[in-house]
Amino acid sequence: MKHIFTVDLSKDKSLKNQYLSNTLITNIEQSLKNNKKTILYLNKRWAYDLLVCKDCNYIKKCPKCDIILSVHKNPKVLMCHHCSYSENISLKCESCEWTNLKNIWVGTEQIEESVLKIFPWVKVFRLDSDNVSNISSKKDALENIKSSNIIIWTKMITTGFDFNDIATIWIILLEQELQIPKYDTEEKIYSNIKQLIWRWWRLGGETNIIIQTFVPNNEMIKNLIELNYKDFFKKTLEERKKFNYPPFVELATLRYKDKNKINSIKFITDLKTRLDVINNWDYEIIIFEKPIKRDNQYFSKIIIKWKNLREFLQNIKKEIFKNKDLVVIFE
């Protein structure tokens, strides 16, 4: 029997930290007595806030994309990071109509601070992209891992690291990553966690793997617990067909960058207009009107879905090949 379980954070929460259950704290204490290590795993170093009903575990999804909506503070709305759909934040759950809604978010640094407050005498090592960026720092990390009692880690743990004496791997707040605006988000989460699980079981140990979550009834989490890839694959394929995603259509992102925000928006808007005029085919374009600023550049983009995108994009091949600031990404 495989050692994989869930802990419901809405029922088992400590007074010391809302994202660390009493079961987790007790488990760490026992591991320390047995001279064993504990891994606290977050699939991402950070993520957007999301809104969860603590009574029925309902999480609001985008009606257009079937992606979990993220909480935005300014303006205060729920927003889809895929199609830019937004709606006001409701005071009650639309599933059970109770008002016990909770805004949740946690990162590796926050977990590290909380663990050190609870266990100030133990050595805690946080391993994420902030402190491991090259081969040299990776070697240093291995030495720190050997001497640490508690290791806080992101998804890089699934590749390139093998070590023993792990009593328990705790997966913290897996639902945080469910609202990432990609059609294959659940598939990547499932694959990454499955890889994490099998890495330790291949070592032949008795490591327990526990998913700590506010939504234990989430289908993907239940499939993980049951190691039920068949049902997960079937559900994923049905959703992709329903919402027009690969393998049923091709998907590409056209991304344009400019130092001027207005120019960035204008270029991508004009490009969409040209495609609309030239083509009279059954395709779908999703345009992002608000550009994202990175390194003093404004990135605007459109996402195109169609059955033969290469044929479709022939009409703008001159812009694609001549404009170094326009990038086409096929997914």
C-alpha atoms as a PDB file:
ATOM      1  CA  MET A   1       0.000   0.000   0.000  1.00  0.00           C
ATOM      2  CA  LYS A   2       1.406   3.405  -0.963  1.00  0.00           C
ATOM      3  CA  HIS A   3       1.845   5.973   1.785  1.00  0.00           C
ATOM      4  CA  ILE A   4      -0.007   8.994   0.430  1.00  0.00           C
ATOM      5  CA  PHE A   5      -2.729  10.904   2.289  1.00  0.00           C
ATOM      6  CA  THR A   6      -4.482  14.271   2.583  1.00  0.00           C
ATOM      7  CA  VAL A   7      -4.970  16.611   5.509  1.00  0.00           C
ATOM      8  CA  ASP A   8      -7.961  18.945   5.327  1.00  0.00           C
ATOM      9  CA  LEU A   9      -6.748  22.395   6.410  1.00  0.00           C
ATOM     10  CA  SER A  10     -10.298  23.630   6.967  1.00  0.00           C
ATOM     11  CA  LYS A  11     -10.649  21.043   9.776  1.00  0.00           C
ATOM     12  CA  ASP A  12      -7.083  20.567  10.998  1.00  0.00           C
ATOM     13  CA  LYS A  13      -5.397  23.917  11.480  1.00  0.00           C
ATOM     14  CA  SER A  14      -3.059  25.088  14.191  1.00  0.00           C
ATOM     15  CA  LEU A  15      -3.148  28.399  16.026  1.00  0.00           C
ATOM     16  CA  LYS A  16       0.504  28.921  15.100  1.00  0.00           C
ATOM     17  CA  ASN A  17      -0.014  29.195  11.347  1.00  0.00           C
ATOM     18  CA  GLN A  18      -3.129  28.798   9.185  1.00  0.00           C
ATOM     19  CA  TYR A  19      -1.181  26.854   6.534  1.00  0.00           C
ATOM     20  CA  LEU A  20       0.542  24.435   8.929  1.00  0.00           C
ATOM     21  CA  SER A  21      -1.813  21.855  10.407  1.00  0.00           C
ATOM     22  CA  ASN A  22      -1.570  20.363  13.899  1.00  0.00           C
ATOM     23  CA  THR A  23      -0.913  17.026  12.211  1.00  0.00           C
ATOM     24  CA  LEU A  24       2.069  18.511  10.353  1.00  0.00           C
ATOM     25  CA  ILE A  25       3.557  20.072  13.495  1.00  0.00           C
ATOM     26  CA  THR A  26       3.143  16.827  15.459  1.00  0.00           C
ATOM     27  CA  ASN A  27       4.673  14.878  12.580  1.00  0.00           C
ATOM     28  CA  ILE A  28       7.742  17.156  12.496  1.00  0.00           C
ATOM     29  CA  GLU A  29       8.212  16.725  16.249  1.00  0.00           C
ATOM     30  CA  GLN A  30       8.163  12.934  15.843  1.00  0.00           C
ATOM     31  CA  SER A  31      10.577  13.057  12.904  1.00  0.00           C
ATOM     32  CA  LEU A  32      13.015  15.171  14.934  1.00  0.00           C
ATOM     33  CA  LYS A  33      12.923  12.594  17.751  1.00  0.00           C
ATOM     34  CA  ASN A  34      13.696   9.844  15.206  1.00  0.00           C
ATOM     35  CA  ASN A  35      16.507  11.899  13.637  1.00  0.00           C
ATOM     36  CA  LYS A  36      14.643  12.021  10.331  1.00  0.00           C
ATOM     37  CA  LYS A  37      14.198  14.883   7.889  1.00  0.00           C
ATOM     38  CA  THR A  38      10.963  16.555   6.803  1.00  0.00           C
ATOM     39  CA  ILE A  39      10.357  18.173   3.436  1.00  0.00           C
ATOM     40  CA  LEU A  40       7.818  20.982   3.105  1.00  0.00           C
ATOM     41  CA  TYR A  41       7.090  21.256  -0.590  1.00  0.00           C
ATOM     42  CA  LEU A  42       5.468  24.119  -2.484  1.00  0.00           C
ATOM     43  CA  ASN A  43       4.984  23.514  -6.182  1.00  0.00           C
ATOM     44  CA  LYS A  44       5.701  27.193  -6.845  1.00  0.00           C
ATOM     45  CA  ARG A  45       7.790  29.804  -5.071  1.00  0.00           C
ATOM     46  CA  TRP A  46       4.808  32.168  -5.251  1.00  0.00           C
ATOM     47  CA  ALA A  47       1.314  32.316  -6.707  1.00  0.00           C
ATOM     48  CA  TYR A  48      -1.716  34.586  -6.912  1.00  0.00           C
ATOM     49  CA  ASP A  49      -4.311  34.666  -4.150  1.00  0.00           C
ATOM     50  CA  LEU A  50      -7.414  32.571  -4.608  1.00  0.00           C
ATOM     51  CA  LEU A  51     -10.790  32.501  -2.873  1.00  0.00           C
ATOM     52  CA  VAL A  52     -11.982  29.254  -1.268  1.00  0.00           C
ATOM     53  CA  CYS A  53     -15.254  28.470   0.516  1.00  0.00           C
ATOM     54  CA  LYS A  54     -14.309  26.890   3.843  1.00  0.00           C
ATOM     55  CA  ASP A  55     -17.711  25.193   4.128  1.00  0.00           C
ATOM     56  CA  CYS A  56     -17.972  23.364   0.792  1.00  0.00           C
ATOM     57  CA  ASN A  57     -14.417  23.814  -0.649  1.00  0.00           C
ATOM     58  CA  TYR A  58     -15.800  25.538  -3.762  1.00  0.00           C
ATOM     59  CA  ILE A  59     -13.338  27.593  -5.849  1.00  0.00           C
ATOM     60  CA  LYS A  60     -14.720  29.958  -8.475  1.00  0.00           C
ATOM     61  CA  LYS A  61     -13.624  29.291 -12.079  1.00  0.00           C
ATOM     62  CA  CYS A  62     -13.701  31.457 -15.188  1.00  0.00           C
ATOM     63  CA  PRO A  63     -16.905  30.736 -17.167  1.00  0.00           C
ATOM     64  CA  LYS A  64     -14.965  31.105 -20.435  1.00  0.00           C
ATOM     65  CA  CYS A  65     -11.755  29.177 -19.715  1.00  0.00           C
ATOM     66  CA  ASP A  66     -12.416  26.758 -16.850  1.00  0.00           C
ATOM     67  CA  ILE A  67      -9.436  28.254 -15.007  1.00  0.00           C
ATOM     68  CA  ILE A  68      -9.569  29.280 -11.350  1.00  0.00           C
ATOM     69  CA  LEU A  69     -10.018  33.023 -10.887  1.00  0.00           C
ATOM     70  CA  SER A  70      -7.338  34.971  -9.016  1.00  0.00           C
ATOM     71  CA  VAL A  71      -7.982  37.613  -6.382  1.00  0.00           C
ATOM     72  CA  HIS A  72      -6.845  41.104  -7.383  1.00  0.00           C
ATOM     73  CA  LYS A  73      -6.576  43.850  -4.813  1.00  0.00           C
ATOM     74  CA  ASN A  74      -6.517  46.868  -7.117  1.00  0.00           C
ATOM     75  CA  PRO A  75      -9.162  46.874  -8.431  1.00  0.00           C
ATOM     76  CA  LYS A  76     -10.674  44.379  -5.995  1.00  0.00           C
ATOM     77  CA  VAL A  77     -12.038  41.745  -8.377  1.00  0.00           C
ATOM     78  CA  LEU A  78     -11.726  38.092  -9.322  1.00  0.00           C
ATOM     79  CA  MET A  79      -9.849  37.867 -12.614  1.00  0.00           C
ATOM     80  CA  CYS A  80      -8.910  35.230 -15.172  1.00  0.00           C
ATOM     81  CA  HIS A  81      -5.276  35.571 -16.233  1.00  0.00           C
ATOM     82  CA  HIS A  82      -5.995  33.808 -19.481  1.00  0.00           C
ATOM     83  CA  CYS A  83      -8.830  35.801 -21.098  1.00  0.00           C
ATOM     84  CA  SER A  84      -8.959  38.829 -18.725  1.00  0.00           C
ATOM     85  CA  TYR A  85     -12.537  38.029 -17.652  1.00  0.00           C
ATOM     86  CA  SER A  86     -13.313  39.680 -14.306  1.00  0.00           C
ATOM     87  CA  GLU A  87     -16.162  39.911 -11.832  1.00  0.00           C
ATOM     88  CA  ASN A  88     -16.781  41.463  -8.448  1.00  0.00           C
ATOM     89  CA  ILE A  89     -15.837  39.464  -5.392  1.00  0.00           C
ATOM     90  CA  SER A  90     -18.973  38.002  -3.881  1.00  0.00           C
ATOM     91  CA  LEU A  91     -19.645  38.024  -0.144  1.00  0.00           C
ATOM     92  CA  LYS A  92     -21.120  34.531  -0.278  1.00  0.00           C
ATOM     93  CA  CYS A  93     -20.306  31.238  -1.966  1.00  0.00           C
ATOM     94  CA  GLU A  94     -22.351  30.711  -5.131  1.00  0.00           C
ATOM     95  CA  SER A  95     -22.334  26.948  -4.536  1.00  0.00           C
ATOM     96  CA  CYS A  96     -23.565  26.636  -0.921  1.00  0.00           C
ATOM     97  CA  GLU A  97     -24.517  30.328  -0.344  1.00  0.00           C
ATOM     98  CA  TRP A  98     -22.638  30.528   2.935  1.00  0.00           C
ATOM     99  CA  THR A  99     -20.358  33.489   3.662  1.00  0.00           C
ATOM    100  CA  ASN A 100     -17.331  31.589   4.971  1.00  0.00           C
ATOM    101  CA  LEU A 101     -14.978  32.587   2.136  1.00  0.00           C
ATOM    102  CA  LYS A 102     -11.232  32.605   2.660  1.00  0.00           C
ATOM    103  CA  ASN A 103      -8.504  34.364   0.693  1.00  0.00           C
ATOM    104  CA  ILE A 104      -5.455  32.078   0.644  1.00  0.00           C
ATOM    105  CA  TRP A 105      -1.821  32.457  -0.388  1.00  0.00           C
ATOM    106  CA  VAL A 106       1.504  31.240   0.944  1.00  0.00           C
ATOM    107  CA  GLY A 107       5.127  31.302  -0.272  1.00  0.00           C
ATOM    108  CA  THR A 108       8.391  29.605   0.678  1.00  0.00           C
ATOM    109  CA  GLU A 109       9.709  32.545   2.710  1.00  0.00           C
ATOM    110  CA  GLN A 110       6.483  32.777   4.708  1.00  0.00           C
ATOM    111  CA  ILE A 111       6.625  29.043   5.474  1.00  0.00           C
ATOM    112  CA  GLU A 112      10.284  29.325   6.512  1.00  0.00           C
ATOM    113  CA  GLU A 113       9.527  32.166   8.938  1.00  0.00           C
ATOM    114  CA  SER A 114       6.621  30.246  10.499  1.00  0.00           C
ATOM    115  CA  VAL A 115       8.592  27.021  10.902  1.00  0.00           C
ATOM    116  CA  LEU A 116      11.478  28.849  12.602  1.00  0.00           C
ATOM    117  CA  LYS A 117       9.040  30.449  15.043  1.00  0.00           C
ATOM    118  CA  ILE A 118       7.645  27.023  15.971  1.00  0.00           C
ATOM    119  CA  PHE A 119      11.021  25.192  15.938  1.00  0.00           C
ATOM    120  CA  PRO A 120      13.668  27.889  16.580  1.00  0.00           C
ATOM    121  CA  TRP A 121      16.320  25.340  17.619  1.00  0.00           C
ATOM    122  CA  VAL A 122      16.340  23.253  14.409  1.00  0.00           C
ATOM    123  CA  LYS A 123      18.180  23.880  11.144  1.00  0.00           C
ATOM    124  CA  VAL A 124      15.794  24.858   8.347  1.00  0.00           C
ATOM    125  CA  PHE A 125      17.000  25.145   4.769  1.00  0.00           C
ATOM    126  CA  ARG A 126      14.937  26.851   2.057  1.00  0.00           C
ATOM    127  CA  LEU A 127      15.766  25.765  -1.453  1.00  0.00           C
ATOM    128  CA  ASP A 128      14.157  27.720  -4.289  1.00  0.00           C
ATOM    129  CA  SER A 129      15.205  29.731  -7.332  1.00  0.00           C
ATOM    130  CA  ASP A 130      16.208  32.672  -5.118  1.00  0.00           C
ATOM    131  CA  ASN A 131      19.178  30.856  -3.588  1.00  0.00           C
ATOM    132  CA  VAL A 132      20.021  28.130  -6.123  1.00  0.00           C
ATOM    133  CA  SER A 133      20.847  29.514  -9.561  1.00  0.00           C
ATOM    134  CA  ASN A 134      23.896  27.581 -10.759  1.00  0.00           C
ATOM    135  CA  ILE A 135      25.834  24.332 -10.374  1.00  0.00           C
ATOM    136  CA  SER A 136      28.043  25.739  -7.610  1.00  0.00           C
ATOM    137  CA  SER A 137      25.077  26.801  -5.467  1.00  0.00           C
ATOM    138  CA  LYS A 138      23.460  23.415  -6.146  1.00  0.00           C
ATOM    139  CA  LYS A 139      26.515  21.671  -4.655  1.00  0.00           C
ATOM    140  CA  ASP A 140      26.312  23.939  -1.607  1.00  0.00           C
ATOM    141  CA  ALA A 141      22.615  23.125  -1.354  1.00  0.00           C
ATOM    142  CA  LEU A 142      23.367  19.403  -1.146  1.00  0.00           C
ATOM    143  CA  GLU A 143      25.635  20.029   1.835  1.00  0.00           C
ATOM    144  CA  ASN A 144      22.973  22.162   3.519  1.00  0.00           C
ATOM    145  CA  ILE A 145      20.370  19.457   2.925  1.00  0.00           C
ATOM    146  CA  LYS A 146      22.539  16.857   4.670  1.00  0.00           C
ATOM    147  CA  SER A 147      22.850  19.002   7.783  1.00  0.00           C
ATOM    148  CA  SER A 148      19.259  20.293   7.906  1.00  0.00           C
ATOM    149  CA  ASN A 149      16.257  18.904   9.780  1.00  0.00           C
ATOM    150  CA  ILE A 150      13.550  20.625   7.730  1.00  0.00           C
ATOM    151  CA  ILE A 151      13.858  21.398   4.023  1.00  0.00           C
ATOM    152  CA  ILE A 152      11.513  23.821   2.303  1.00  0.00           C
ATOM    153  CA  TRP A 153      11.543  23.206  -1.418  1.00  0.00           C
ATOM    154  CA  THR A 154       9.913  24.040  -4.729  1.00  0.00           C
ATOM    155  CA  LYS A 155       9.548  21.862  -7.834  1.00  0.00           C
ATOM    156  CA  MET A 156      13.309  21.667  -8.456  1.00  0.00           C
ATOM    157  CA  ILE A 157      13.250  18.874  -5.859  1.00  0.00           C
ATOM    158  CA  THR A 158      11.802  16.533  -8.489  1.00  0.00           C
ATOM    159  CA  THR A 159      14.966  16.670 -10.602  1.00  0.00           C
ATOM    160  CA  GLY A 160      18.590  16.021  -9.745  1.00  0.00           C
ATOM    161  CA  PHE A 161      18.359  15.377  -5.991  1.00  0.00           C
ATOM    162  CA  ASP A 162      18.308  11.981  -4.273  1.00  0.00           C
ATOM    163  CA  PHE A 163      18.838  11.593  -0.539  1.00  0.00           C
ATOM    164  CA  ASN A 164      17.667   9.382   2.279  1.00  0.00           C
ATOM    165  CA  ASP A 165      16.366   9.765   5.848  1.00  0.00           C
ATOM    166  CA  ILE A 166      13.154  11.505   4.740  1.00  0.00           C
ATOM    167  CA  ALA A 167      10.285  10.677   7.096  1.00  0.00           C
ATOM    168  CA  THR A 168       7.554  12.759   5.452  1.00  0.00           C
ATOM    169  CA  ILE A 169       7.069  14.995   2.440  1.00  0.00           C
ATOM    170  CA  TRP A 170       4.354  17.578   3.004  1.00  0.00           C
ATOM    171  CA  ILE A 171       2.846  19.190  -0.093  1.00  0.00           C
ATOM    172  CA  ILE A 172       1.681  22.612   1.064  1.00  0.00           C
ATOM    173  CA  LEU A 173      -1.413  24.218  -0.479  1.00  0.00           C
ATOM    174  CA  LEU A 174      -1.373  22.507  -3.865  1.00  0.00           C
ATOM    175  CA  GLU A 175      -4.471  24.454  -4.947  1.00  0.00           C
ATOM    176  CA  GLN A 176      -2.427  27.661  -5.183  1.00  0.00           C
ATOM    177  CA  GLU A 177      -1.129  26.594  -8.563  1.00  0.00           C
ATOM    178  CA  LEU A 178      -4.513  25.604  -9.983  1.00  0.00           C
ATOM    179  CA  GLN A 179      -5.278  29.184 -11.074  1.00  0.00           C
ATOM    180  CA  ILE A 180      -2.164  29.600 -13.223  1.00  0.00           C
ATOM    181  CA  PRO A 181      -3.469  30.726 -16.635  1.00  0.00           C
ATOM    182  CA  LYS A 182      -2.493  27.752 -18.783  1.00  0.00           C
ATOM    183  CA  TYR A 183      -4.754  25.144 -20.335  1.00  0.00           C
ATOM    184  CA  ASP A 184      -2.406  22.360 -19.182  1.00  0.00           C
ATOM    185  CA  THR A 185      -1.945  23.578 -15.583  1.00  0.00           C
ATOM    186  CA  GLU A 186      -3.590  20.563 -13.921  1.00  0.00           C
ATOM    187  CA  GLU A 187      -1.679  18.163 -16.132  1.00  0.00           C
ATOM    188  CA  LYS A 188       1.667  19.756 -15.188  1.00  0.00           C
ATOM    189  CA  ILE A 189       0.794  19.752 -11.491  1.00  0.00           C
ATOM    190  CA  TYR A 190      -0.269  16.106 -11.652  1.00  0.00           C
ATOM    191  CA  SER A 191       2.882  15.098 -13.531  1.00  0.00           C
ATOM    192  CA  ASN A 192       5.179  17.032 -11.218  1.00  0.00           C
ATOM    193  CA  ILE A 193       3.667  15.647  -8.016  1.00  0.00           C
ATOM    194  CA  LYS A 194       3.598  12.122  -9.427  1.00  0.00           C
ATOM    195  CA  GLN A 195       7.301  12.444 -10.244  1.00  0.00           C
ATOM    196  CA  LEU A 196       7.926  13.652  -6.704  1.00  0.00           C
ATOM    197  CA  ILE A 197       6.045  10.666  -5.265  1.00  0.00           C
ATOM    198  CA  TRP A 198       7.798   8.028  -7.336  1.00  0.00           C
ATOM    199  CA  ARG A 199      11.265   9.521  -6.769  1.00  0.00           C
ATOM    200  CA  TRP A 200      11.124   8.600  -3.086  1.00  0.00           C
ATOM    201  CA  TRP A 201       9.316   5.333  -3.479  1.00  0.00           C
ATOM    202  CA  ARG A 202      11.997   4.168  -5.918  1.00  0.00           C
ATOM    203  CA  LEU A 203      14.506   4.535  -3.101  1.00  0.00           C
ATOM    204  CA  GLY A 204      12.617   1.780  -1.295  1.00  0.00           C
ATOM    205  CA  GLY A 205      11.935   3.743   1.875  1.00  0.00           C
ATOM    206  CA  GLU A 206       8.756   4.237   3.892  1.00  0.00           C
ATOM    207  CA  THR A 207       8.401   7.949   3.216  1.00  0.00           C
ATOM    208  CA  ASN A 208       4.880   9.265   3.759  1.00  0.00           C
ATOM    209  CA  ILE A 209       3.622  11.872   1.314  1.00  0.00           C
ATOM    210  CA  ILE A 210       0.845  14.109   2.612  1.00  0.00           C
ATOM    211  CA  ILE A 211      -1.085  16.713   0.641  1.00  0.00           C
ATOM    212  CA  GLN A 212      -2.198  19.511   2.940  1.00  0.00           C
ATOM    213  CA  THR A 213      -5.103  21.348   1.325  1.00  0.00           C
ATOM    214  CA  PHE A 214      -8.322  23.314   1.774  1.00  0.00           C
ATOM    215  CA  VAL A 215      -9.891  21.369  -1.125  1.00  0.00           C
ATOM    216  CA  PRO A 216      -9.347  17.626  -0.453  1.00  0.00           C
ATOM    217  CA  ASN A 217     -12.312  16.766  -2.706  1.00  0.00           C
ATOM    218  CA  ASN A 218     -10.731  18.361  -5.756  1.00  0.00           C
ATOM    219  CA  GLU A 219     -10.795  15.755  -8.560  1.00  0.00           C
ATOM    220  CA  MET A 220      -7.124  16.106  -9.425  1.00  0.00           C
ATOM    221  CA  ILE A 221      -6.058  15.705  -5.794  1.00  0.00           C
ATOM    222  CA  LYS A 222      -8.294  12.642  -5.395  1.00  0.00           C
ATOM    223  CA  ASN A 223      -6.782  11.137  -8.546  1.00  0.00           C
ATOM    224  CA  LEU A 224      -3.310  11.736  -7.141  1.00  0.00           C
ATOM    225  CA  ILE A 225      -4.154  10.074  -3.837  1.00  0.00           C
ATOM    226  CA  GLU A 226      -5.607   7.063  -5.648  1.00  0.00           C
ATOM    227  CA  LEU A 227      -2.823   7.107  -8.293  1.00  0.00           C
ATOM    228  CA  ASN A 228      -5.665   7.091 -10.779  1.00  0.00           C
ATOM    229  CA  TYR A 229      -4.105   8.415 -13.970  1.00  0.00           C
ATOM    230  CA  LYS A 230      -6.754   6.851 -16.211  1.00  0.00           C
ATOM    231  CA  ASP A 231      -9.643   8.936 -14.822  1.00  0.00           C
ATOM    232  CA  PHE A 232      -7.490  12.054 -14.713  1.00  0.00           C
ATOM    233  CA  PHE A 233      -6.494  11.588 -18.367  1.00  0.00           C
ATOM    234  CA  LYS A 234     -10.115  11.027 -19.426  1.00  0.00           C
ATOM    235  CA  LYS A 235     -11.383  14.141 -17.606  1.00  0.00           C
ATOM    236  CA  THR A 236      -8.552  16.293 -18.966  1.00  0.00           C
ATOM    237  CA  LEU A 237      -9.181  15.196 -22.535  1.00  0.00           C
ATOM    238  CA  GLU A 238     -12.915  15.933 -22.226  1.00  0.00           C
ATOM    239  CA  GLU A 239     -12.191  19.443 -20.908  1.00  0.00           C
ATOM    240  CA  ARG A 240      -9.732  20.172 -23.710  1.00  0.00           C
ATOM    241  CA  LYS A 241     -12.291  19.155 -26.297  1.00  0.00           C
ATOM    242  CA  LYS A 242     -15.011  21.244 -24.650  1.00  0.00           C
ATOM    243  CA  PHE A 243     -12.894  24.419 -24.449  1.00  0.00           C
ATOM    244  CA  ASN A 244     -11.045  23.995 -27.769  1.00  0.00           C
ATOM    245  CA  TYR A 245      -7.510  23.210 -26.630  1.00  0.00           C
ATOM    246  CA  PRO A 246      -4.778  20.904 -28.002  1.00  0.00           C
ATOM    247  CA  PRO A 247      -4.813  18.189 -29.250  1.00  0.00           C
ATOM    248  CA  PHE A 248      -8.153  19.214 -30.822  1.00  0.00           C
ATOM    249  CA  VAL A 249      -6.815  22.554 -32.096  1.00  0.00           C
ATOM    250  CA  GLU A 250      -3.415  24.217 -32.383  1.00  0.00           C
ATOM    251  CA  LEU A 251      -2.571  27.004 -29.969  1.00  0.00           C
ATOM    252  CA  ALA A 252      -0.130  29.872 -30.426  1.00  0.00           C
ATOM    253  CA  THR A 253       0.684  33.097 -28.600  1.00  0.00           C
ATOM    254  CA  LEU A 254       1.752  36.214 -30.508  1.00  0.00           C
ATOM    255  CA  ARG A 255       3.651  38.437 -28.081  1.00  0.00           C
ATOM    256  CA  TYR A 256       4.886  41.929 -28.862  1.00  0.00           C
ATOM    257  CA  LYS A 257       7.118  44.131 -26.704  1.00  0.00           C
ATOM    258  CA  ASP A 258       7.669  47.879 -26.785  1.00  0.00           C
ATOM    259  CA  LYS A 259       9.033  50.446 -24.350  1.00  0.00           C
ATOM    260  CA  ASN A 260       5.936  52.534 -24.999  1.00  0.00           C
ATOM    261  CA  LYS A 261       2.747  51.128 -23.496  1.00  0.00           C
ATOM    262  CA  ILE A 262       0.413  52.690 -26.078  1.00  0.00           C
ATOM    263  CA  ASN A 263       2.531  51.431 -28.983  1.00  0.00           C
ATOM    264  CA  SER A 264       2.547  47.944 -27.523  1.00  0.00           C
ATOM    265  CA  ILE A 265      -1.255  47.828 -27.307  1.00  0.00           C
ATOM    266  CA  LYS A 266      -1.723  49.433 -30.735  1.00  0.00           C
ATOM    267  CA  PHE A 267       0.562  46.999 -32.534  1.00  0.00           C
ATOM    268  CA  ILE A 268      -1.119  43.876 -31.188  1.00  0.00           C
ATOM    269  CA  THR A 269      -4.616  45.350 -31.695  1.00  0.00           C
ATOM    270  CA  ASP A 270      -3.827  46.276 -35.296  1.00  0.00           C
ATOM    271  CA  LEU A 271      -2.433  42.797 -35.874  1.00  0.00           C
ATOM    272  CA  LYS A 272      -5.662  41.229 -34.636  1.00  0.00           C
ATOM    273  CA  THR A 273      -7.721  43.545 -36.850  1.00  0.00           C
ATOM    274  CA  ARG A 274      -5.667  42.542 -39.885  1.00  0.00           C
ATOM    275  CA  LEU A 275      -6.183  38.856 -39.168  1.00  0.00           C
ATOM    276  CA  ASP A 276      -9.921  39.440 -38.745  1.00  0.00           C
ATOM    277  CA  VAL A 277     -10.155  41.208 -42.103  1.00  0.00           C
ATOM    278  CA  ILE A 278      -7.974  38.818 -44.116  1.00  0.00           C
ATOM    279  CA  ASN A 279      -9.340  35.575 -42.768  1.00  0.00           C
ATOM    280  CA  ASN A 280     -12.875  34.343 -42.861  1.00  0.00           C
ATOM    281  CA  TRP A 281     -12.251  31.000 -41.163  1.00  0.00           C
ATOM    282  CA  ASP A 282     -13.505  29.391 -38.027  1.00  0.00           C
ATOM    283  CA  TYR A 283     -10.818  30.450 -35.565  1.00  0.00           C
ATOM    284  CA  GLU A 284     -10.660  32.066 -32.145  1.00  0.00           C
ATOM    285  CA  ILE A 285      -8.495  34.954 -30.992  1.00  0.00           C
ATOM    286  CA  ILE A 286      -8.186  36.055 -27.375  1.00  0.00           C
ATOM    287  CA  ILE A 287      -6.576  39.479 -27.006  1.00  0.00           C
ATOM    288  CA  PHE A 288      -5.010  40.861 -23.853  1.00  0.00           C
ATOM    289  CA  GLU A 289      -5.730  44.576 -23.709  1.00  0.00           C
ATOM    290  CA  LYS A 290      -3.677  45.337 -20.616  1.00  0.00           C
ATOM    291  CA  PRO A 291       0.056  44.779 -21.295  1.00  0.00           C
ATOM    292  CA  ILE A 292       2.409  43.323 -18.716  1.00  0.00           C
ATOM    293  CA  LYS A 293       5.467  45.386 -17.804  1.00  0.00           C
ATOM    294  CA  ARG A 294       8.783  43.533 -17.488  1.00  0.00           C
ATOM    295  CA  ASP A 295      12.241  45.157 -17.457  1.00  0.00           C
ATOM    296  CA  ASN A 296      10.817  48.480 -18.671  1.00  0.00           C
ATOM    297  CA  GLN A 297       9.156  46.808 -21.655  1.00  0.00           C
ATOM    298  CA  TYR A 298       5.413  46.453 -22.193  1.00  0.00           C
ATOM    299  CA  PHE A 299       4.339  43.020 -23.432  1.00  0.00           C
ATOM    300  CA  SER A 300       1.003  42.726 -25.254  1.00  0.00           C
ATOM    301  CA  LYS A 301      -0.233  39.462 -26.673  1.00  0.00           C
ATOM    302  CA  ILE A 302      -2.975  37.590 -28.436  1.00  0.00           C
ATOM    303  CA  ILE A 303      -3.698  33.869 -28.242  1.00  0.00           C
ATOM    304  CA  ILE A 304      -4.914  32.131 -31.393  1.00  0.00           C
ATOM    305  CA  LYS A 305      -6.705  28.780 -31.623  1.00  0.00           C
ATOM    306  CA  TRP A 306      -7.197  27.041 -34.952  1.00  0.00           C
ATOM    307  CA  LYS A 307      -6.780  23.644 -36.598  1.00  0.00           C
ATOM    308  CA  ASN A 308      -3.924  24.729 -38.888  1.00  0.00           C
ATOM    309  CA  LEU A 309      -2.174  27.747 -37.426  1.00  0.00           C
ATOM    310  CA  ARG A 310       0.821  27.714 -39.732  1.00  0.00           C
ATOM    311  CA  GLU A 311      -1.494  28.178 -42.701  1.00  0.00           C
ATOM    312  CA  PHE A 312      -3.410  30.823 -40.794  1.00  0.00           C
ATOM    313  CA  LEU A 313      -0.257  32.813 -39.910  1.00  0.00           C
ATOM    314  CA  GLN A 314       0.988  32.922 -43.525  1.00  0.00           C
ATOM    315  CA  ASN A 315      -0.896  36.200 -43.852  1.00  0.00           C
ATOM    316  CA  ILE A 316       1.391  37.947 -41.374  1.00  0.00           C
ATOM    317  CA  LYS A 317       4.652  36.116 -42.050  1.00  0.00           C
ATOM    318  CA  LYS A 318       6.406  39.376 -43.025  1.00  0.00           C
ATOM    319  CA  GLU A 319       5.633  40.896 -39.614  1.00  0.00           C
ATOM    320  CA  ILE A 320       6.731  37.702 -37.871  1.00  0.00           C
ATOM    321  CA  PHE A 321      10.090  37.399 -39.640  1.00  0.00           C
ATOM    322  CA  LYS A 322      11.003  41.083 -39.879  1.00  0.00           C
ATOM    323  CA  ASN A 323       9.918  42.362 -36.471  1.00  0.00           C
ATOM    324  CA  LYS A 324      12.330  41.170 -33.773  1.00  0.00           C
ATOM    325  CA  ASP A 325       9.956  42.396 -31.061  1.00  0.00           C
ATOM    326  CA  LEU A 326       7.170  40.072 -32.226  1.00  0.00           C
ATOM    327  CA  VAL A 327       7.479  36.483 -31.004  1.00  0.00           C
ATOM    328  CA  VAL A 328       5.298  33.494 -31.936  1.00  0.00           C
ATOM    329  CA  ILE A 329       5.092  30.700 -29.381  1.00  0.00           C
ATOM    330  CA  PHE A 330       3.425  27.432 -30.369  1.00  0.00           C
ATOM    331  CA  GLU A 331       2.076  25.316 -27.498  1.00  0.00           C
END
